[in-house]
Amino acid sequence: MAEPSTLIDLSGITKVYRMGDVEVHALAHVNLSIAPGEFVAIMGSSGSGKSTLMNVLGCLDRPTTGSYHLAGRDVARLDRDDLAQIRNRTIGFVFQSFNLLTRTSALENVELPLLYAGVGTRERHRRAAAALARVGLSQRAHHHPNQMSGGQQQRVAIARAIVGEPALILADEPTGNLDSVTSIEIMALFQELNRAGMTIVVVTHEEDIAEYTSRVVSMRDGRILHDRRRTPVAAELPAREAS
């Protein structure tokens, strides 16, 4: 079967929250299409709607109105079980705070999506080890998060996001807790994964981070203000194991 020309297709998406008698319009008639293999940054200040848009893209929240097709499937009105299945099999998540289980090893953290998907023990180990190798952390497989730097923890989180070979990686402020050098290393890794064909969407408020992507969607007041494609700044992945 041919790969769809559009991975993400949002049409007329609104999101309205009710706070007592007040309606808050977090998203207002958003239209957005993202093709397979794109590397997109979603930018905006606090209250711009970028986090709400990320939640909709990640099937963590339903839009109030509009349609959302992900990999050709209309997901806007799916029930909770179907949405959970899509989140596990189609989307890989990377968060600012890493969201690793502190009492389990890097390998076990990376295995979690496969465990939820019912993958057998031996295959889980093999695929998790391969994912850690891909992010340069083979030697840290049996370390716990508190034995690793912030950059290493974020690499474990990225390995966890890619281990199930999802169609889409969603990264919410992935460099927010990292210093500038480590942030560049993480963006270099994202560029490497993107060159290998992964579709990546990064939410960030940092312009210097968005420069490493090839498309920037800027938001304000729940609307898309600008949508620009450009040549990304190249981030070189250090030969050493990242900090």
Protein backbone atom coordinates (compact mmCIF):
# COMPACT_ATOMS: atom_id res chain seq x y z
CA MET A 1 0.00 0.00 0.00
CA ALA A 2 1.32 3.44 -0.91
CA GLU A 3 2.25 5.80 1.91
CA PRO A 4 -0.37 8.56 2.36
CA SER A 5 0.65 12.00 1.10
CA THR A 6 -0.60 13.57 4.34
CA LEU A 7 0.10 12.18 7.78
CA ILE A 8 -1.70 14.92 9.75
CA ASP A 9 -4.74 16.72 8.40
CA LEU A 10 -6.58 19.18 10.65
CA SER A 11 -9.60 20.96 9.25
CA GLY A 12 -11.57 23.65 11.10
CA ILE A 13 -10.33 22.52 14.52
CA THR A 14 -11.66 24.45 17.51
CA LYS A 15 -11.24 23.78 21.18
CA VAL A 16 -13.47 25.53 23.70
CA TYR A 17 -13.09 25.17 27.45
CA ARG A 18 -15.88 26.23 29.78
CA MET A 19 -14.88 27.88 33.05
CA GLY A 20 -18.15 28.55 34.82
CA ASP A 21 -20.12 30.84 32.54
CA VAL A 22 -17.02 31.82 30.55
CA GLU A 23 -15.95 30.14 27.31
CA VAL A 24 -12.23 30.05 26.57
CA HIS A 25 -11.43 29.51 22.90
CA ALA A 26 -8.05 27.76 23.02
CA LEU A 27 -8.08 26.87 19.30
CA ALA A 28 -10.01 28.78 16.64
CA HIS A 29 -10.56 27.14 13.23
CA VAL A 30 -7.09 25.66 12.84
CA ASN A 31 -6.23 24.10 9.50
CA LEU A 32 -2.92 22.23 9.27
CA SER A 33 -1.48 19.49 7.08
CA ILE A 34 1.82 17.72 7.72
CA ALA A 35 3.30 15.23 5.26
CA PRO A 36 5.25 12.11 6.21
CA GLY A 37 8.90 12.91 6.84
CA GLU A 38 8.48 16.56 7.82
CA PHE A 39 10.24 18.16 10.80
CA VAL A 40 7.95 20.87 12.17
CA ALA A 41 8.21 23.31 15.06
CA ILE A 42 5.05 24.73 16.61
CA MET A 43 5.86 28.04 18.31
CA GLY A 44 3.99 30.57 20.39
CA SER A 45 3.96 32.35 23.69
CA SER A 46 2.04 31.15 26.74
CA GLY A 47 -1.67 31.10 25.90
CA SER A 48 -1.10 30.97 22.15
CA GLY A 49 -2.75 27.54 21.81
CA LYS A 50 0.37 25.54 20.97
CA SER A 51 0.02 23.18 23.95
CA THR A 52 -3.67 22.63 23.21
CA LEU A 53 -2.79 21.88 19.60
CA MET A 54 -0.16 19.40 20.76
CA ASN A 55 -2.74 17.66 22.96
CA VAL A 56 -5.11 17.37 20.00
CA LEU A 57 -2.35 16.08 17.71
CA GLY A 58 -1.38 13.52 20.35
CA CYS A 59 -4.97 12.31 20.82
CA LEU A 60 -4.75 13.41 24.45
CA ASP A 61 -7.70 15.78 24.00
CA ARG A 62 -10.62 15.91 21.59
CA PRO A 63 -11.40 19.01 19.53
CA THR A 64 -14.73 20.72 20.14
CA THR A 65 -15.41 20.96 16.39
CA GLY A 66 -13.55 20.09 13.22
CA SER A 67 -11.92 16.96 11.83
CA TYR A 68 -8.55 15.37 12.52
CA HIS A 69 -7.22 12.66 10.24
CA LEU A 70 -4.05 10.89 11.36
CA ALA A 71 -2.49 8.51 8.84
CA GLY A 72 -5.78 8.55 6.97
CA ARG A 73 -7.94 7.73 9.99
CA ASP A 74 -10.51 10.13 11.43
CA VAL A 75 -9.52 10.23 15.10
CA ALA A 76 -11.50 13.26 16.32
CA ARG A 77 -14.44 11.19 17.53
CA LEU A 78 -12.88 7.88 18.49
CA ASP A 79 -13.62 6.42 21.91
CA ARG A 80 -11.05 6.31 24.72
CA ASP A 81 -9.86 2.75 24.02
CA ASP A 82 -9.25 3.46 20.33
CA LEU A 83 -7.42 6.69 21.16
CA ALA A 84 -5.23 4.85 23.66
CA GLN A 85 -4.36 2.29 21.01
CA ILE A 86 -3.41 5.04 18.55
CA ARG A 87 -1.25 6.76 21.15
CA ASN A 88 0.59 3.52 21.81
CA ARG A 89 1.06 2.38 18.22
CA THR A 90 1.07 5.47 16.03
CA ILE A 91 2.58 8.24 18.18
CA GLY A 92 5.78 8.48 20.18
CA PHE A 93 5.88 11.14 22.90
CA VAL A 94 8.84 13.08 24.29
CA PHE A 95 8.26 15.48 27.20
CA GLN A 96 10.21 18.28 28.84
CA SER A 97 10.35 16.43 32.17
CA PHE A 98 11.43 13.10 30.54
CA ASN A 99 8.65 11.13 32.37
CA LEU A 100 10.88 8.15 33.11
CA LEU A 101 10.13 5.60 35.81
CA THR A 102 12.79 6.25 38.45
CA ARG A 103 13.03 2.72 39.85
CA THR A 104 13.52 0.96 36.53
CA SER A 105 16.49 0.80 34.20
CA ALA A 106 16.84 2.64 30.92
CA LEU A 107 16.15 -0.61 29.07
CA GLU A 108 12.98 -1.26 31.06
CA ASN A 109 11.77 2.30 30.50
CA VAL A 110 12.23 1.92 26.76
CA GLU A 111 10.41 -1.42 26.80
CA LEU A 112 7.22 0.03 28.29
CA PRO A 113 5.33 0.85 25.05
CA LEU A 114 6.10 -2.66 23.79
CA LEU A 115 4.88 -4.17 27.05
CA TYR A 116 1.57 -2.33 26.67
CA ALA A 117 1.38 -3.52 23.07
CA GLY A 118 1.75 -7.15 24.16
CA VAL A 119 5.18 -7.76 22.62
CA GLY A 120 6.97 -10.82 24.04
CA THR A 121 9.86 -10.51 26.49
CA ARG A 122 12.72 -11.50 24.18
CA GLU A 123 11.52 -9.25 21.35
CA ARG A 124 10.99 -6.38 23.80
CA HIS A 125 14.58 -6.67 25.01
CA ARG A 126 15.93 -6.82 21.47
CA ARG A 127 14.00 -3.81 20.20
CA ALA A 128 14.64 -1.72 23.32
CA ALA A 129 18.37 -2.42 23.13
CA ALA A 130 18.36 -1.43 19.46
CA ALA A 131 16.55 1.82 20.25
CA LEU A 132 19.06 2.69 22.98
CA ALA A 133 21.90 1.98 20.57
CA ARG A 134 20.28 4.29 18.06
CA VAL A 135 20.41 7.19 20.53
CA GLY A 136 23.96 6.33 21.65
CA LEU A 137 23.18 4.87 25.06
CA SER A 138 23.99 1.16 24.77
CA GLN A 139 26.38 1.47 27.70
CA ARG A 140 23.66 2.96 29.92
CA ALA A 141 21.02 0.27 29.34
CA HIS A 142 21.05 -0.92 32.96
CA HIS A 143 21.44 2.48 34.61
CA HIS A 144 18.52 4.10 36.40
CA PRO A 145 17.47 7.68 35.59
CA ASN A 146 19.08 9.08 38.74
CA GLN A 147 22.41 7.70 37.50
CA MET A 148 22.20 9.68 34.25
CA SER A 149 22.47 13.31 33.22
CA GLY A 150 19.49 15.25 31.92
CA GLY A 151 20.66 14.81 28.35
CA GLN A 152 21.00 11.07 28.79
CA GLN A 153 17.55 10.87 30.36
CA GLN A 154 16.07 12.71 27.40
CA ARG A 155 17.80 10.28 25.05
CA VAL A 156 16.21 7.40 26.94
CA ALA A 157 12.85 9.16 26.51
CA ILE A 158 13.51 9.48 22.77
CA ALA A 159 14.46 5.80 22.56
CA ARG A 160 11.18 4.97 24.30
CA ALA A 161 9.32 7.16 21.78
CA ILE A 162 10.84 5.46 18.73
CA VAL A 163 10.98 1.85 19.94
CA GLY A 164 7.53 1.04 18.53
CA GLU A 165 8.41 2.60 15.15
CA PRO A 166 5.52 5.10 15.30
CA ALA A 167 4.39 7.18 12.37
CA LEU A 168 4.76 10.40 14.37
CA ILE A 169 7.03 11.75 17.13
CA LEU A 170 5.55 14.57 19.24
CA ALA A 171 8.07 16.42 21.41
CA ASP A 172 6.73 18.94 23.93
CA GLU A 173 9.49 21.43 24.93
CA PRO A 174 12.07 18.59 24.73
CA THR A 175 15.00 20.90 25.55
CA GLY A 176 13.26 22.93 28.25
CA ASN A 177 15.21 21.31 31.11
CA LEU A 178 18.56 21.14 29.33
CA ASP A 179 21.53 23.46 28.95
CA SER A 180 22.31 24.99 25.57
CA VAL A 181 24.99 22.50 24.53
CA THR A 182 22.89 19.47 25.47
CA SER A 183 19.88 21.05 23.72
CA ILE A 184 21.88 21.17 20.48
CA GLU A 185 22.82 17.50 20.93
CA ILE A 186 19.15 16.56 21.34
CA MET A 187 18.17 18.55 18.25
CA ALA A 188 21.00 16.90 16.34
CA LEU A 189 19.52 13.54 17.29
CA PHE A 190 16.08 14.65 16.11
CA GLN A 191 17.60 15.77 12.81
CA GLU A 192 19.28 12.39 12.44
CA LEU A 193 15.99 10.59 13.08
CA ASN A 194 14.21 12.91 10.65
CA ARG A 195 16.78 12.19 7.94
CA ALA A 196 16.00 8.51 8.49
CA GLY A 197 12.37 9.27 7.58
CA MET A 198 10.65 9.99 10.91
CA THR A 199 7.97 12.66 11.08
CA ILE A 200 8.69 14.93 14.04
CA VAL A 201 6.66 17.77 15.54
CA VAL A 202 8.33 19.85 18.26
CA VAL A 203 6.49 22.35 20.44
CA THR A 204 8.85 25.07 21.65
CA HIS A 205 8.90 28.71 22.64
CA GLU A 206 12.61 29.00 21.81
CA GLU A 207 13.43 30.44 18.40
CA ASP A 208 16.95 29.00 18.41
CA ILE A 209 15.49 25.50 18.84
CA ALA A 210 12.98 26.02 16.04
CA GLU A 211 15.85 26.92 13.70
CA TYR A 212 16.84 23.25 13.60
CA THR A 213 13.51 22.29 11.99
CA SER A 214 12.50 22.71 8.36
CA ARG A 215 9.07 24.23 9.00
CA VAL A 216 7.84 26.64 11.66
CA VAL A 217 4.16 27.08 12.52
CA SER A 218 3.66 30.16 14.71
CA MET A 219 0.51 30.52 16.81
CA ARG A 220 -1.27 33.39 18.52
CA ASP A 221 -4.66 33.50 20.22
CA GLY A 222 -5.50 29.96 19.15
CA ARG A 223 -4.84 30.59 15.46
CA ILE A 224 -1.99 29.89 13.09
CA LEU A 225 -0.28 33.20 12.47
CA HIS A 226 2.52 32.06 10.16
CA ASP A 227 3.48 28.78 8.49
CA ARG A 228 6.94 28.92 6.93
CA ARG A 229 9.23 26.35 5.38
CA ARG A 230 12.96 27.04 5.37
CA THR A 231 16.37 25.40 5.34
CA PRO A 232 17.16 24.21 8.87
CA VAL A 233 20.34 25.03 10.72
CA ALA A 234 22.48 21.89 10.85
CA ALA A 235 23.25 20.54 14.32
CA GLU A 236 26.24 18.24 14.39
CA LEU A 237 25.92 15.15 16.57
CA PRO A 238 29.09 14.84 18.68
CA ALA A 239 31.16 11.70 18.19
CA ARG A 240 31.40 11.21 21.95
CA GLU A 241 28.52 9.76 23.98
CA ALA A 242 26.24 12.67 24.72
CA SER A 243 25.99 14.08 28.22
